[in-house]
């Protein structure tokens, strides 16, 4: 296709739809991989791309036995499409935020085990938020700490709940609580029968599971000499490894308490092997208005104040 003496003219909804299809195909690495994401057949996807190429008078991609790849023009159109769609999304969010009634969406991403942790007060947060913003649609998702940070920074989520040990530029933090983390083993694990002194001497010799992330200094000091034999970021799967009796591993005390009370697992070497892990709410530093997010953060601060007042008033 030649771009000589060609003028695009107005870009309408249909072209934007085609551009979204094009971006998804590129993000997925080809037509076949994009079928599931777009929920349309390969032939329909191909037709959208062909029509877009005709509309732009450009060849955007190569497809065939050699696989899917972008042309030079396709690379440029892809980058421009990203910018265009981000601008449209920002426009939609701003318009929603300027409306008298609170509408739009709130995207919350959480680390595992947070939703039902009583210290997080998630049911209360949701109840008070939806009472004041009943027309806002809630989206929730569970992800790893690194992914939560990335989605907040990339404007793919509005609020994140994460265990944290660092502060990234571009993010704001609201501290929720801190967890004491200890090494846990299954009740019938050999080390469970040893004395505290023996546990300290033996704990590094047994296969251990860990999160698989670069740890902060306090964690690194505790796991550096351990026999790290399994990677499991989420607590539920790490607990399953521990319950198998084949692995030991660190867990937050609050998370483990139910299973300790049932006698399924026990903490070992507690006097010397432990670290503290904070939990925080994060959101992006930005001047762009986001009323659902601001209301949610306001409700969060109110609930934290209520919890603090109750703690202050509690008898000793």
Protein backbone atom coordinates (compact mmCIF):
# COMPACT_ATOMS: atom_id res chain seq x y z
CA UNK A 1 0.00 0.00 0.00
CA UNK A 2 1.25 3.48 -0.76
CA UNK A 3 0.81 6.46 1.53
CA UNK A 4 1.37 8.98 -1.26
CA UNK A 5 -1.29 11.67 -1.60
CA UNK A 6 -3.49 10.00 0.99
CA UNK A 7 -5.43 11.83 3.70
CA UNK A 8 -7.00 9.90 6.59
CA UNK A 9 -9.76 12.36 7.42
CA UNK A 10 -11.97 11.91 10.47
CA UNK A 11 -11.42 8.97 12.85
CA UNK A 12 -14.68 7.53 14.18
CA UNK A 13 -15.86 4.84 16.57
CA UNK A 14 -15.40 2.08 13.98
CA UNK A 15 -11.74 2.95 13.42
CA UNK A 16 -11.18 3.09 17.19
CA UNK A 17 -12.69 -0.39 17.50
CA UNK A 18 -10.34 -1.64 14.78
CA UNK A 19 -7.37 -0.03 16.50
CA UNK A 20 -8.31 -1.79 19.75
CA UNK A 21 -8.38 -5.12 17.88
CA UNK A 22 -5.01 -4.29 16.30
CA UNK A 23 -3.46 -3.45 19.69
CA UNK A 24 -4.77 -6.67 21.24
CA UNK A 25 -3.33 -8.74 18.38
CA UNK A 26 0.07 -7.09 18.86
CA UNK A 27 -0.07 -7.50 22.66
CA UNK A 28 -0.95 -11.19 22.27
CA UNK A 29 1.69 -11.79 19.61
CA UNK A 30 -0.61 -12.92 16.81
CA UNK A 31 -4.12 -13.61 15.56
CA UNK A 32 -4.58 -17.05 17.17
CA UNK A 33 -3.51 -15.91 20.62
CA UNK A 34 -5.86 -12.90 20.39
CA UNK A 35 -8.97 -15.01 19.73
CA UNK A 36 -9.58 -15.81 23.40
CA UNK A 37 -8.82 -12.27 24.55
CA UNK A 38 -11.17 -10.70 21.99
CA UNK A 39 -13.76 -13.51 22.06
CA UNK A 40 -14.06 -13.44 18.27
CA UNK A 41 -12.84 -15.82 15.56
CA UNK A 42 -9.56 -15.55 13.73
CA UNK A 43 -11.26 -14.78 10.42
CA UNK A 44 -13.13 -11.85 12.01
CA UNK A 45 -9.92 -10.55 13.53
CA UNK A 46 -8.20 -10.81 10.15
CA UNK A 47 -11.05 -8.89 8.53
CA UNK A 48 -10.77 -6.10 11.12
CA UNK A 49 -7.02 -5.78 10.51
CA UNK A 50 -7.46 -5.82 6.72
CA UNK A 51 -10.15 -3.14 6.91
CA UNK A 52 -7.94 -1.05 9.19
CA UNK A 53 -5.02 -1.34 6.77
CA UNK A 54 -7.29 -0.29 3.92
CA UNK A 55 -8.63 2.63 5.95
CA UNK A 56 -5.12 3.82 6.86
CA UNK A 57 -3.69 2.91 3.44
CA UNK A 58 -0.81 1.17 5.24
CA UNK A 59 0.45 -2.38 5.72
CA UNK A 60 0.62 -2.85 9.47
CA UNK A 61 1.73 -6.44 9.91
CA UNK A 62 3.09 -9.52 8.22
CA UNK A 63 1.37 -12.82 8.79
CA UNK A 64 2.08 -16.21 7.34
CA UNK A 65 4.44 -19.13 7.77
CA UNK A 66 7.09 -16.85 9.19
CA UNK A 67 4.76 -15.89 12.03
CA UNK A 68 3.28 -12.56 13.04
CA UNK A 69 5.38 -9.38 12.94
CA UNK A 70 4.84 -5.65 12.58
CA UNK A 71 6.02 -3.55 9.68
CA UNK A 72 7.82 -0.26 10.32
CA UNK A 73 4.52 1.54 9.81
CA UNK A 74 2.81 -0.96 12.08
CA UNK A 75 5.26 -0.20 14.90
CA UNK A 76 4.46 3.50 14.61
CA UNK A 77 0.69 2.95 14.47
CA UNK A 78 0.90 0.63 17.50
CA UNK A 79 2.66 3.28 19.59
CA UNK A 80 0.20 5.96 18.45
CA UNK A 81 -2.71 3.61 19.23
CA UNK A 82 -1.44 3.17 22.80
CA UNK A 83 -1.30 6.95 23.21
CA UNK A 84 -4.74 7.45 21.64
CA UNK A 85 -6.47 4.80 23.78
CA UNK A 86 -4.81 6.07 26.97
CA UNK A 87 -6.02 9.60 26.14
CA UNK A 88 -9.56 8.37 25.46
CA UNK A 89 -9.58 6.48 28.76
CA UNK A 90 -8.28 9.53 30.63
CA UNK A 91 -10.98 11.65 28.94
CA UNK A 92 -13.71 9.19 29.98
CA UNK A 93 -12.45 9.09 33.58
CA UNK A 94 -12.25 12.88 33.78
CA UNK A 95 -15.79 13.32 32.39
CA UNK A 96 -17.13 10.75 34.87
CA UNK A 97 -15.39 12.55 37.71
CA UNK A 98 -16.87 15.89 36.69
CA UNK A 99 -20.42 14.59 36.83
CA UNK A 100 -22.54 15.65 39.79
CA UNK A 101 -23.28 12.03 40.66
CA UNK A 102 -20.39 9.69 41.35
CA UNK A 103 -20.18 7.14 38.53
CA UNK A 104 -17.52 5.19 36.68
CA UNK A 105 -15.40 2.42 38.15
CA UNK A 106 -13.01 1.65 40.98
CA UNK A 107 -10.34 -0.98 40.33
CA UNK A 108 -8.89 -2.58 43.47
CA UNK A 109 -5.99 -5.05 43.34
CA UNK A 110 -5.09 -7.03 46.44
CA UNK A 111 -2.42 -9.38 47.64
CA UNK A 112 -3.69 -12.79 48.73
CA UNK A 113 -5.27 -13.23 52.19
CA UNK A 114 -5.99 -9.50 52.53
CA UNK A 115 -9.70 -9.43 51.68
CA UNK A 116 -10.84 -11.26 54.82
CA UNK A 117 -8.13 -10.09 57.21
CA UNK A 118 -10.05 -8.32 59.99
CA UNK A 119 -7.34 -5.65 60.27
CA UNK A 120 -7.99 -4.64 56.66
CA UNK A 121 -11.70 -4.04 57.32
CA UNK A 122 -12.50 -4.81 53.68
CA UNK A 123 -16.20 -5.66 54.20
CA UNK A 124 -16.68 -2.38 56.10
CA UNK A 125 -14.79 -0.43 53.44
CA UNK A 126 -16.94 -1.86 50.67
CA UNK A 127 -20.17 -1.29 52.61
CA UNK A 128 -19.44 2.36 53.42
CA UNK A 129 -18.07 3.09 49.96
CA UNK A 130 -21.03 1.60 48.09
CA UNK A 131 -23.48 3.37 50.42
CA UNK A 132 -21.99 6.67 49.23
CA UNK A 133 -21.27 5.68 45.63
CA UNK A 134 -23.88 3.10 44.61
CA UNK A 135 -23.43 3.75 40.87
CA UNK A 136 -19.69 3.06 40.83
CA UNK A 137 -18.74 -0.37 39.47
CA UNK A 138 -16.18 -2.25 41.57
CA UNK A 139 -13.47 -4.38 39.95
CA UNK A 140 -11.30 -6.53 42.23
CA UNK A 141 -8.33 -8.72 41.44
CA UNK A 142 -5.62 -10.68 43.29
CA UNK A 143 -1.99 -10.40 42.21
CA UNK A 144 1.60 -10.46 43.44
CA UNK A 145 3.18 -7.40 45.04
CA UNK A 146 5.30 -6.53 41.99
CA UNK A 147 2.32 -6.80 39.64
CA UNK A 148 0.16 -4.65 41.92
CA UNK A 149 2.82 -1.93 41.95
CA UNK A 150 3.09 -2.11 38.16
CA UNK A 151 -0.66 -1.95 37.51
CA UNK A 152 -1.05 1.10 39.78
CA UNK A 153 1.85 2.91 38.09
CA UNK A 154 0.45 2.02 34.63
CA UNK A 155 -3.07 3.25 35.53
CA UNK A 156 -4.44 -0.27 35.13
CA UNK A 157 -5.74 -0.19 38.72
CA UNK A 158 -6.68 2.60 41.13
CA UNK A 159 -5.89 1.20 44.58
CA UNK A 160 -3.65 -1.65 45.70
CA UNK A 161 -3.32 -3.56 48.98
CA UNK A 162 0.19 -4.97 49.30
CA UNK A 163 2.76 -6.32 51.73
CA UNK A 164 5.58 -3.85 51.30
CA UNK A 165 9.18 -3.23 52.17
CA UNK A 166 10.08 -0.40 49.81
CA UNK A 167 8.71 2.91 48.59
CA UNK A 168 8.63 3.55 44.85
CA UNK A 169 8.65 7.00 43.28
CA UNK A 170 5.22 7.75 41.88
CA UNK A 171 3.30 5.89 44.57
CA UNK A 172 1.63 7.08 47.78
CA UNK A 173 1.41 4.74 50.79
CA UNK A 174 -1.07 4.39 53.66
CA UNK A 175 0.17 2.01 56.35
CA UNK A 176 -2.45 -0.49 57.55
CA UNK A 177 -0.70 -2.88 59.93
CA UNK A 178 2.41 -5.00 60.40
CA UNK A 179 2.76 -8.77 60.58
CA UNK A 180 5.28 -10.85 62.51
CA UNK A 181 6.43 -13.69 60.27
CA UNK A 182 7.79 -16.99 61.63
CA UNK A 183 8.97 -20.29 60.20
CA UNK A 184 6.20 -22.90 60.25
CA UNK A 185 6.35 -26.67 59.82
CA UNK A 186 3.76 -29.46 59.70
CA UNK A 187 2.87 -30.90 63.11
CA UNK A 188 4.64 -34.20 62.33
CA UNK A 189 7.75 -32.62 60.78
CA UNK A 190 10.98 -33.88 62.45
CA UNK A 191 12.02 -30.38 63.53
CA UNK A 192 8.73 -29.86 65.41
CA UNK A 193 9.86 -32.30 68.09
CA UNK A 194 13.17 -30.57 68.77
CA UNK A 195 13.96 -28.01 71.44
CA UNK A 196 14.23 -24.32 70.54
CA UNK A 197 18.04 -24.51 70.57
CA UNK A 198 18.04 -27.60 68.35
CA UNK A 199 15.52 -26.01 65.98
CA UNK A 200 17.78 -22.97 65.50
CA UNK A 201 20.71 -25.29 64.70
CA UNK A 202 18.76 -27.51 62.30
CA UNK A 203 16.24 -25.22 60.56
CA UNK A 204 18.48 -24.32 57.61
CA UNK A 205 19.06 -27.95 56.66
CA UNK A 206 15.45 -28.72 55.72
CA UNK A 207 13.90 -27.94 52.29
CA UNK A 208 12.12 -24.59 52.47
CA UNK A 209 9.64 -22.66 50.32
CA UNK A 210 9.97 -18.92 49.67
CA UNK A 211 8.22 -16.15 47.76
CA UNK A 212 10.64 -16.05 44.85
CA UNK A 213 11.07 -12.26 45.01
CA UNK A 214 14.14 -10.20 45.84
CA UNK A 215 13.63 -9.81 49.59
CA UNK A 216 14.25 -6.74 51.68
CA UNK A 217 17.20 -6.74 54.07
CA UNK A 218 15.33 -8.14 57.07
CA UNK A 219 13.93 -11.07 55.08
CA UNK A 220 17.20 -11.68 53.24
CA UNK A 221 19.03 -12.03 56.54
CA UNK A 222 16.56 -14.70 57.65
CA UNK A 223 16.45 -16.83 54.48
CA UNK A 224 20.00 -16.45 53.11
CA UNK A 225 21.23 -19.73 54.61
CA UNK A 226 18.01 -21.72 54.20
CA UNK A 227 17.68 -24.69 51.85
CA UNK A 228 15.39 -22.85 49.39
CA UNK A 229 13.90 -25.70 47.39
CA UNK A 230 10.43 -24.46 46.34
CA UNK A 231 9.03 -21.15 45.13
CA UNK A 232 5.51 -20.15 46.16
CA UNK A 233 4.50 -16.49 46.28
CA UNK A 234 0.91 -16.86 47.53
CA UNK A 235 0.36 -17.87 51.13
CA UNK A 236 -2.27 -20.55 50.41
CA UNK A 237 0.04 -22.53 48.16
CA UNK A 238 2.98 -21.99 50.52
CA UNK A 239 0.83 -23.36 53.35
CA UNK A 240 -0.01 -26.41 51.23
CA UNK A 241 3.72 -27.06 50.78
CA UNK A 242 4.24 -26.77 54.54
CA UNK A 243 1.28 -29.05 55.30
CA UNK A 244 2.78 -31.70 53.00
CA UNK A 245 5.49 -32.17 55.61
CA UNK A 246 8.16 -31.90 52.92
CA UNK A 247 8.84 -28.16 53.22
CA UNK A 248 9.13 -25.50 55.87
CA UNK A 249 8.51 -21.80 55.28
CA UNK A 250 7.76 -18.34 56.63
CA UNK A 251 4.14 -17.24 57.10
CA UNK A 252 2.56 -14.21 58.79
CA UNK A 253 1.51 -15.07 62.34
CA UNK A 254 -2.06 -13.82 61.83
CA UNK A 255 -2.51 -15.87 58.65
CA UNK A 256 -1.11 -19.00 60.27
CA UNK A 257 -3.03 -18.69 63.57
CA UNK A 258 -6.11 -20.67 62.48
CA UNK A 259 -3.98 -23.62 61.37
CA UNK A 260 -1.84 -23.39 64.51
CA UNK A 261 -4.98 -23.47 66.67
CA UNK A 262 -6.12 -26.61 64.83
CA UNK A 263 -2.73 -28.20 65.49
CA UNK A 264 -1.88 -28.61 61.80
CA UNK A 265 1.31 -26.53 61.89
CA UNK A 266 3.69 -25.13 64.50
CA UNK A 267 6.15 -22.24 64.57
CA UNK A 268 9.80 -23.15 65.14
CA UNK A 269 12.96 -21.29 66.17
CA UNK A 270 10.73 -18.34 67.05
CA UNK A 271 13.19 -16.46 69.26
CA UNK A 272 15.79 -16.01 66.52
CA UNK A 273 14.06 -16.61 63.18
CA UNK A 274 11.41 -13.98 62.45
CA UNK A 275 10.89 -10.71 60.60
CA UNK A 276 8.26 -7.97 60.31
CA UNK A 277 6.25 -7.37 57.12
CA UNK A 278 4.12 -4.25 56.66
CA UNK A 279 0.80 -4.03 54.83
CA UNK A 280 -0.15 -0.85 52.99
CA UNK A 281 -2.64 0.66 50.58
CA UNK A 282 -0.95 2.23 47.56
CA UNK A 283 -2.17 4.61 44.88
CA UNK A 284 -0.56 6.68 42.16
CA UNK A 285 0.66 10.23 42.69
CA UNK A 286 -1.30 12.15 40.09
CA UNK A 287 -3.03 15.49 39.60
CA UNK A 288 -5.77 13.91 37.48
CA UNK A 289 -9.08 13.75 39.33
CA UNK A 290 -10.43 10.34 40.24
CA UNK A 291 -13.49 10.73 42.44
CA UNK A 292 -14.15 7.04 43.10
CA UNK A 293 -10.56 6.54 44.21
CA UNK A 294 -10.55 9.66 46.39
CA UNK A 295 -13.81 8.64 48.06
CA UNK A 296 -12.48 5.12 48.71
CA UNK A 297 -9.32 6.54 50.29
CA UNK A 298 -11.44 8.89 52.40
CA UNK A 299 -13.55 5.95 53.61
CA UNK A 300 -10.37 3.99 54.30
CA UNK A 301 -8.94 6.78 56.47
CA UNK A 302 -12.26 7.07 58.33
CA UNK A 303 -12.29 3.33 59.06
CA UNK A 304 -8.67 3.39 60.22
CA UNK A 305 -9.56 6.24 62.60
CA UNK A 306 -12.52 4.22 63.94
CA UNK A 307 -10.27 1.19 64.50
CA UNK A 308 -7.67 3.38 66.23
CA UNK A 309 -10.31 4.95 68.53
CA UNK A 310 -11.63 1.50 69.49
CA UNK A 311 -8.11 0.31 70.25
CA UNK A 312 -7.49 3.38 72.41
CA UNK A 313 -10.74 2.84 74.31
CA UNK A 314 -10.24 -0.89 74.88
CA UNK A 315 -9.54 -1.88 78.51
CA UNK A 316 -6.14 -3.30 79.30
